[in-house]
Structures are given as C-alpha cells and as structure tokens.
C-alpha atoms as a PDB file:
ATOM      1  CA  MET A   1     -24.265  -2.634  21.573  1.00  0.00           C
ATOM      2  CA  GLY A   2     -20.622  -3.678  21.384  1.00  0.00           C
ATOM      3  CA  ALA A   3     -17.401  -2.106  20.268  1.00  0.00           C
ATOM      4  CA  ALA A   4     -18.428  -1.061  16.737  1.00  0.00           C
ATOM      5  CA  PRO A   5     -19.787   2.406  17.675  1.00  0.00           C
ATOM      6  CA  PHE A   6     -16.667   3.128  19.741  1.00  0.00           C
ATOM      7  CA  VAL A   7     -14.345   2.077  16.914  1.00  0.00           C
ATOM      8  CA  THR A   8     -16.300   4.093  14.338  1.00  0.00           C
ATOM      9  CA  PHE A   9     -16.271   7.171  16.571  1.00  0.00           C
ATOM     10  CA  SER A  10     -12.557   6.776  17.267  1.00  0.00           C
ATOM     11  CA  VAL A  11     -11.686   6.559  13.572  1.00  0.00           C
ATOM     12  CA  LEU A  12     -13.778   9.621  12.729  1.00  0.00           C
ATOM     13  CA  LEU A  13     -12.246  11.545  15.622  1.00  0.00           C
ATOM     14  CA  ALA A  14      -8.737  10.654  14.452  1.00  0.00           C
ATOM     15  CA  VAL A  15      -9.527  11.848  10.925  1.00  0.00           C
ATOM     16  CA  PHE A  16     -10.912  15.128  12.288  1.00  0.00           C
ATOM     17  CA  VAL A  17      -7.723  15.601  14.324  1.00  0.00           C
ATOM     18  CA  PHE A  18      -5.665  15.122  11.143  1.00  0.00           C
ATOM     19  CA  VAL A  19      -7.887  17.672   9.392  1.00  0.00           C
ATOM     20  CA  PHE A  20      -7.293  20.380  11.960  1.00  0.00           C
ATOM     21  CA  VAL A  21      -3.584  19.595  12.362  1.00  0.00           C
ATOM     22  CA  PHE A  22      -2.922  19.879   8.636  1.00  0.00           C
ATOM     23  CA  LEU A  23      -5.097  22.970   8.243  1.00  0.00           C
ATOM     24  CA  ALA A  24      -3.319  24.649  11.165  1.00  0.00           C
ATOM     25  CA  LEU A  25       0.084  23.729   9.745  1.00  0.00           C
ATOM     26  CA  GLY A  26      -0.906  25.132   6.376  1.00  0.00           C
ATOM     27  CA  ALA A  27      -2.056  28.378   7.950  1.00  0.00           C
ATOM     28  CA  LEU A  28       0.988  28.753  10.202  1.00  0.00           C
ATOM     29  CA  LEU A  29       3.529  27.878   7.516  1.00  0.00           C
ATOM     30  CA  GLU A  30       1.615  29.733   4.800  1.00  0.00           C
ATOM     31  CA  GLN A  31       1.969  26.689   2.547  1.00  0.00           C
ATOM     32  CA  THR A  32      -0.658  25.238   0.255  1.00  0.00           C
ATOM     33  CA  CYS A  33       0.393  21.575   0.494  1.00  0.00           C
ATOM     34  CA  PRO A  34      -0.613  20.985   4.163  1.00  0.00           C
ATOM     35  CA  THR A  35      -3.819  22.933   3.573  1.00  0.00           C
ATOM     36  CA  ARG A  36      -4.628  20.767   0.570  1.00  0.00           C
ATOM     37  CA  VAL A  37      -3.900  17.566   2.529  1.00  0.00           C
ATOM     38  CA  GLY A  38      -6.113  18.850   5.333  1.00  0.00           C
ATOM     39  CA  GLY A  39      -8.862  19.476   2.796  1.00  0.00           C
ATOM     40  CA  TYR A  40      -8.617  15.914   1.516  1.00  0.00           C
ATOM     41  CA  PHE A  41      -8.761  14.583   5.067  1.00  0.00           C
ATOM     42  CA  GLY A  42     -11.816  16.826   5.569  1.00  0.00           C
ATOM     43  CA  LEU A  43     -13.528  15.258   2.580  1.00  0.00           C
ATOM     44  CA  ALA A  44     -12.742  11.788   3.948  1.00  0.00           C
ATOM     45  CA  ALA A  45     -14.130  12.800   7.352  1.00  0.00           C
ATOM     46  CA  ALA A  46     -17.307  14.126   5.749  1.00  0.00           C
ATOM     47  CA  ALA A  47     -17.781  10.917   3.747  1.00  0.00           C
ATOM     48  CA  GLY A  48     -17.249   8.825   6.874  1.00  0.00           C
ATOM     49  CA  ALA A  49     -19.687  10.925   8.875  1.00  0.00           C
ATOM     50  CA  TRP A  50     -22.345  10.669   6.149  1.00  0.00           C
ATOM     51  CA  TYR A  51     -21.871   6.884   5.934  1.00  0.00           C
ATOM     52  CA  THR A  52     -22.091   6.466   9.712  1.00  0.00           C
ATOM     53  CA  SER A  53     -25.177   8.661   9.883  1.00  0.00           C
ATOM     54  CA  ALA A  54     -26.870   6.812   7.021  1.00  0.00           C
ATOM     55  CA  ALA A  55     -26.051   3.473   8.671  1.00  0.00           C
ATOM     56  CA  GLY A  56     -27.709   4.571  11.909  1.00  0.00           C
ATOM     57  CA  VAL A  57     -30.825   5.930  10.195  1.00  0.00           C
ATOM     58  CA  LEU A  58     -31.260   2.922   7.914  1.00  0.00           C
ATOM     59  CA  SER A  59     -30.714   0.436  10.748  1.00  0.00           C
ATOM     60  CA  THR A  60     -33.380   2.162  12.812  1.00  0.00           C
ATOM     61  CA  THR A  61     -35.798   2.448   9.890  1.00  0.00           C
ATOM     62  CA  PHE A  62     -35.572  -1.135   8.652  1.00  0.00           C
ATOM     63  CA  GLY A  63     -34.854  -2.839  11.969  1.00  0.00           C
ATOM     64  CA  ARG A  64     -31.752  -4.618  10.631  1.00  0.00           C
ATOM     65  CA  VAL A  65     -28.204  -3.770   9.614  1.00  0.00           C
ATOM     66  CA  VAL A  66     -28.221  -2.296   6.102  1.00  0.00           C
ATOM     67  CA  LEU A  67     -24.824  -0.577   6.104  1.00  0.00           C
ATOM     68  CA  PRO A  68     -22.267  -2.259   8.363  1.00  0.00           C
ATOM     69  CA  THR A  69     -20.154  -0.031  10.593  1.00  0.00           C
ATOM     70  CA  GLY A  70     -17.828  -2.584  12.133  1.00  0.00           C
ATOM     71  CA  PRO A  71     -17.441  -6.162  13.290  1.00  0.00           C
ATOM     72  CA  ARG A  72     -20.447  -7.905  14.740  1.00  0.00           C
END
C-alpha cells in the first residue's frame, strides 16, 4: 500500500479541522468573514473527498490507477 493513503487522509483531515475552526470562530465572534472562509475550506474538503473517493472506486473497477492520489 504505501504512504499515499496516509498522506491523502492527513491532508483531508487538516482541511476539515480548518473548516470547523473557522466556522466556530465565525459563530463565536458573530462575524461573517471567518464563516465565509470556513465555507470555502468546506468546499475544498468536499472536492478533495469526492476526488479521493472517485480515485478509489475507479482504481478498483479498472484494476489500475486512473486518478493518482499521491506519490508511487
């Protein structure tokens, strides 16, 4: 397997942490800017999760790497 799944998971986890930190700051400070930044990080996390999921499904379906998720 290698380090690629661990690196991909770590990056997605870090982005999710940023999402919740900025959303919590926006709610606690009653400011729209941190909430908006948290929303953008949420969109990035969703795109990364979709890409990672599609890479796993396509690799299993076709028996080869279709969408790379890290170094080989």
